[in-house]
Amino acid sequence: DALPICPQLQILCFYHLLQDPRTENSPYLGFIYTSFQERATFISHGNTARLAKEHGDIKLAQICGTIAADEKRHETAYTKIVEKLYEIDPNGTVLAFADMMRKKISMPAHLMYDGRDDDLFEHFSAVAQRLGVYTAKDYADILEFLVGRWKVGDLTGLSAEGRKAQDYVCGLPARIRKLEERAQARAKQGPRIPFSWIYDREVQL
């Protein structure tokens, strides 16, 4: 079973998130961010569990599967909160959604550092993309899921600015996919980079 997380720690974690410049101390931005982030970690841990099982590490697969299930529960909670925000303040919420997506969603691990590699997260992300753990396609899929989950395309009574935000977020998944297709067409095999946490074993980017 997943280890229980104390409510006080959850509150502290969310308070820390609200200090992130991307969320600007706004609960709208904070809950939109966590809705996206929790679904992303659900997907990435689920894919890691699948890969671990394929390579015979059943225990790692079980651990990652448990974490993925926990992240799914978090996602459900946060998306329901944002759903309620859309009911109460559709205009303000869609503006916050567009603002968050313009900032782009970065995972909390973007601050990871091993004391040696200043580009550690970029290198880690490149490997995750290549292995299919978490990809640009997943990013677009998550955004499309949230747009549908919150029925953003069906919102009415918005201000002119709100309608622009609505059009922006509804059209963004297709734009991301086109950009990713072009990037994949131009992609070249990257260098081999040592990772300190696996005893400096070199991994293909």
Protein backbone atom coordinates (compact mmCIF):
# COMPACT_ATOMS: atom_id res chain seq x y z
CA ASP A 1 0.00 0.00 0.00
CA ALA A 2 1.05 3.59 -0.57
CA LEU A 3 2.53 5.35 2.43
CA PRO A 4 -0.01 7.75 4.00
CA ILE A 5 0.72 11.45 3.59
CA CYS A 6 -0.11 13.61 6.57
CA PRO A 7 -2.65 16.41 5.85
CA GLN A 8 -0.30 19.04 7.28
CA LEU A 9 2.42 18.00 4.83
CA GLN A 10 -0.04 18.18 1.92
CA ILE A 11 -1.01 21.71 2.97
CA LEU A 12 2.65 22.72 3.22
CA CYS A 13 3.36 21.27 -0.22
CA PHE A 14 0.46 23.16 -1.75
CA TYR A 15 1.51 26.35 0.05
CA HIS A 16 5.00 25.92 -1.43
CA LEU A 17 3.44 25.46 -4.87
CA LEU A 18 1.54 28.71 -4.49
CA GLN A 19 4.86 30.48 -3.97
CA ASP A 20 5.98 29.29 -7.40
CA PRO A 21 6.22 32.32 -9.76
CA ARG A 22 4.08 30.48 -12.30
CA THR A 23 1.10 30.34 -9.94
CA GLU A 24 1.48 33.91 -8.61
CA ASN A 25 -0.18 32.99 -5.28
CA SER A 26 -3.41 32.30 -7.22
CA PRO A 27 -5.49 29.26 -6.20
CA TYR A 28 -6.90 29.24 -9.76
CA LEU A 29 -3.43 28.77 -11.25
CA GLY A 30 -2.38 26.46 -8.45
CA PHE A 31 -5.25 24.00 -8.88
CA ILE A 32 -5.00 24.08 -12.68
CA TYR A 33 -1.29 23.35 -12.41
CA THR A 34 -1.80 20.45 -10.00
CA SER A 35 -4.59 18.98 -12.15
CA PHE A 36 -2.18 18.83 -15.09
CA GLN A 37 0.86 17.80 -13.06
CA GLU A 38 -0.88 14.94 -11.23
CA ARG A 39 -2.17 13.46 -14.49
CA ALA A 40 1.32 13.76 -15.96
CA THR A 41 2.88 11.90 -13.04
CA PHE A 42 0.11 9.27 -13.20
CA ILE A 43 1.05 8.66 -16.84
CA SER A 44 4.82 8.72 -16.32
CA HIS A 45 4.78 6.38 -13.31
CA GLY A 46 2.39 4.07 -15.14
CA ASN A 47 4.70 3.92 -18.15
CA THR A 48 7.69 3.33 -15.88
CA ALA A 49 5.82 0.44 -14.26
CA ARG A 50 5.14 -1.03 -17.69
CA LEU A 51 8.79 -0.76 -18.74
CA ALA A 52 10.00 -2.22 -15.45
CA LYS A 53 7.68 -5.21 -15.87
CA GLU A 54 8.83 -5.73 -19.46
CA HIS A 55 12.45 -5.83 -18.25
CA GLY A 56 11.70 -8.23 -15.40
CA ASP A 57 11.81 -5.91 -12.39
CA ILE A 58 8.47 -6.84 -10.86
CA LYS A 59 9.09 -5.08 -7.54
CA LEU A 60 9.87 -1.76 -9.25
CA ALA A 61 6.79 -2.24 -11.44
CA GLN A 62 4.65 -2.72 -8.31
CA ILE A 63 6.11 0.36 -6.62
CA CYS A 64 5.57 2.56 -9.68
CA GLY A 65 2.09 1.15 -10.18
CA THR A 66 1.17 2.03 -6.60
CA ILE A 67 2.49 5.57 -7.03
CA ALA A 68 0.61 5.94 -10.33
CA ALA A 69 -2.64 4.94 -8.63
CA ASP A 70 -2.00 7.48 -5.88
CA GLU A 71 -1.32 10.22 -8.43
CA LYS A 72 -4.59 9.32 -10.17
CA ARG A 73 -6.50 9.94 -6.93
CA HIS A 74 -4.79 13.32 -6.57
CA GLU A 75 -5.68 14.20 -10.15
CA THR A 76 -9.34 13.36 -9.52
CA ALA A 77 -9.46 15.67 -6.49
CA TYR A 78 -7.82 18.63 -8.20
CA THR A 79 -9.82 18.37 -11.42
CA LYS A 80 -13.05 18.35 -9.39
CA ILE A 81 -11.95 21.52 -7.60
CA VAL A 82 -11.29 23.26 -10.93
CA GLU A 83 -14.60 21.97 -12.24
CA LYS A 84 -16.28 23.78 -9.35
CA LEU A 85 -14.27 26.94 -10.12
CA TYR A 86 -15.65 26.82 -13.67
CA GLU A 87 -19.18 26.66 -12.24
CA ILE A 88 -18.60 29.63 -9.94
CA ASP A 89 -16.38 31.81 -12.14
CA PRO A 90 -16.07 30.49 -15.72
CA ASN A 91 -14.50 33.66 -17.06
CA GLY A 92 -11.82 33.94 -14.40
CA THR A 93 -11.05 30.23 -14.58
CA VAL A 94 -10.63 30.05 -18.34
CA LEU A 95 -8.39 33.13 -18.21
CA ALA A 96 -6.27 31.39 -15.56
CA PHE A 97 -6.16 28.19 -17.67
CA ALA A 98 -4.89 30.09 -20.71
CA ASP A 99 -2.38 31.98 -18.55
CA MET A 100 -1.06 28.72 -17.08
CA MET A 101 -0.67 27.14 -20.51
CA ARG A 102 1.17 30.18 -21.88
CA LYS A 103 3.61 29.81 -19.01
CA LYS A 104 3.87 26.09 -19.88
CA ILE A 105 3.63 23.29 -17.35
CA SER A 106 6.97 22.26 -15.90
CA MET A 107 7.15 19.27 -13.59
CA PRO A 108 8.34 19.88 -9.99
CA ALA A 109 11.46 17.84 -10.82
CA HIS A 110 12.70 20.60 -13.13
CA LEU A 111 14.73 21.77 -10.12
CA MET A 112 16.49 18.40 -9.72
CA TYR A 113 20.26 18.71 -9.33
CA ASP A 114 22.93 16.17 -8.43
CA GLY A 115 25.63 18.74 -7.72
CA ARG A 116 27.33 18.08 -11.03
CA ASP A 117 25.08 18.34 -14.08
CA ASP A 118 23.54 21.80 -14.52
CA ASP A 119 21.27 20.41 -17.26
CA LEU A 120 20.20 17.30 -15.39
CA PHE A 121 16.45 17.74 -15.87
CA GLU A 122 16.83 18.45 -19.60
CA HIS A 123 18.92 15.29 -19.99
CA PHE A 124 16.48 13.27 -17.88
CA SER A 125 13.53 14.61 -19.94
CA ALA A 126 15.25 13.68 -23.20
CA VAL A 127 15.66 10.09 -22.03
CA ALA A 128 12.05 9.98 -20.79
CA GLN A 129 10.86 11.25 -24.18
CA ARG A 130 12.93 8.70 -26.10
CA LEU A 131 11.77 5.78 -23.94
CA GLY A 132 8.12 6.86 -24.02
CA VAL A 133 7.90 7.45 -20.25
CA TYR A 134 6.59 11.00 -20.71
CA THR A 135 6.45 12.68 -24.10
CA ALA A 136 5.28 15.81 -25.87
CA LYS A 137 2.34 13.73 -27.11
CA ASP A 138 1.38 13.04 -23.49
CA TYR A 139 1.52 16.79 -22.81
CA ALA A 140 -0.92 17.46 -25.65
CA ASP A 141 -3.13 14.53 -24.62
CA ILE A 142 -3.36 15.80 -21.03
CA LEU A 143 -4.30 19.29 -22.19
CA GLU A 144 -6.94 17.86 -24.53
CA PHE A 145 -8.29 15.69 -21.70
CA LEU A 146 -8.62 18.67 -19.33
CA VAL A 147 -10.28 20.84 -21.99
CA GLY A 148 -12.85 18.08 -22.43
CA ARG A 149 -13.15 17.23 -18.73
CA TRP A 150 -13.92 20.84 -17.86
CA LYS A 151 -16.06 21.36 -21.01
CA VAL A 152 -14.07 24.49 -21.85
CA GLY A 153 -15.39 24.56 -25.41
CA ASP A 154 -18.98 24.74 -24.12
CA LEU A 155 -18.51 27.78 -21.88
CA THR A 156 -20.88 30.67 -22.56
CA GLY A 157 -21.31 34.20 -21.29
CA LEU A 158 -17.58 34.91 -21.37
CA SER A 159 -16.02 38.33 -21.81
CA ALA A 160 -14.18 39.12 -25.05
CA GLU A 161 -10.92 38.29 -23.28
CA GLY A 162 -12.44 35.09 -21.93
CA ARG A 163 -13.52 33.99 -25.41
CA LYS A 164 -9.97 34.55 -26.68
CA ALA A 165 -8.64 32.43 -23.81
CA GLN A 166 -11.23 29.75 -24.63
CA ASP A 167 -10.17 29.65 -28.28
CA TYR A 168 -6.51 29.55 -27.28
CA VAL A 169 -6.71 26.56 -24.93
CA CYS A 170 -9.13 24.63 -27.16
CA GLY A 171 -6.80 25.01 -30.16
CA LEU A 172 -3.56 24.44 -28.29
CA PRO A 173 -3.43 20.59 -28.30
CA ALA A 174 -3.49 20.49 -32.12
CA ARG A 175 -0.78 23.16 -32.29
CA ILE A 176 1.44 21.24 -29.87
CA ARG A 177 1.04 18.05 -31.90
CA LYS A 178 2.04 19.82 -35.12
CA LEU A 179 5.11 21.30 -33.48
CA GLU A 180 6.05 17.90 -32.07
CA GLU A 181 5.72 16.24 -35.49
CA ARG A 182 8.09 18.81 -36.95
CA ALA A 183 10.52 18.40 -34.07
CA GLN A 184 10.51 14.61 -34.48
CA ALA A 185 11.20 14.98 -38.19
CA ARG A 186 14.26 17.13 -37.38
CA ALA A 187 15.38 15.10 -34.39
CA LYS A 188 18.85 13.61 -34.38
CA GLN A 189 20.29 11.06 -32.03
CA GLY A 190 21.70 12.83 -29.02
CA PRO A 191 24.98 12.24 -27.20
CA ARG A 192 25.53 9.72 -24.42
CA ILE A 193 25.43 11.39 -21.00
CA PRO A 194 26.55 9.88 -17.66
CA PHE A 195 23.97 9.88 -14.86
CA SER A 196 25.42 10.04 -11.36
CA TRP A 197 22.53 8.17 -9.71
CA ILE A 198 23.29 5.04 -11.78
CA TYR A 199 27.01 5.16 -11.01
CA ASP A 200 27.86 7.37 -13.99
CA ARG A 201 26.50 4.91 -16.51
CA GLU A 202 26.19 6.63 -19.88
CA VAL A 203 22.69 6.81 -21.34
CA GLN A 204 21.69 7.78 -24.86
CA LEU A 205 19.73 11.04 -25.05
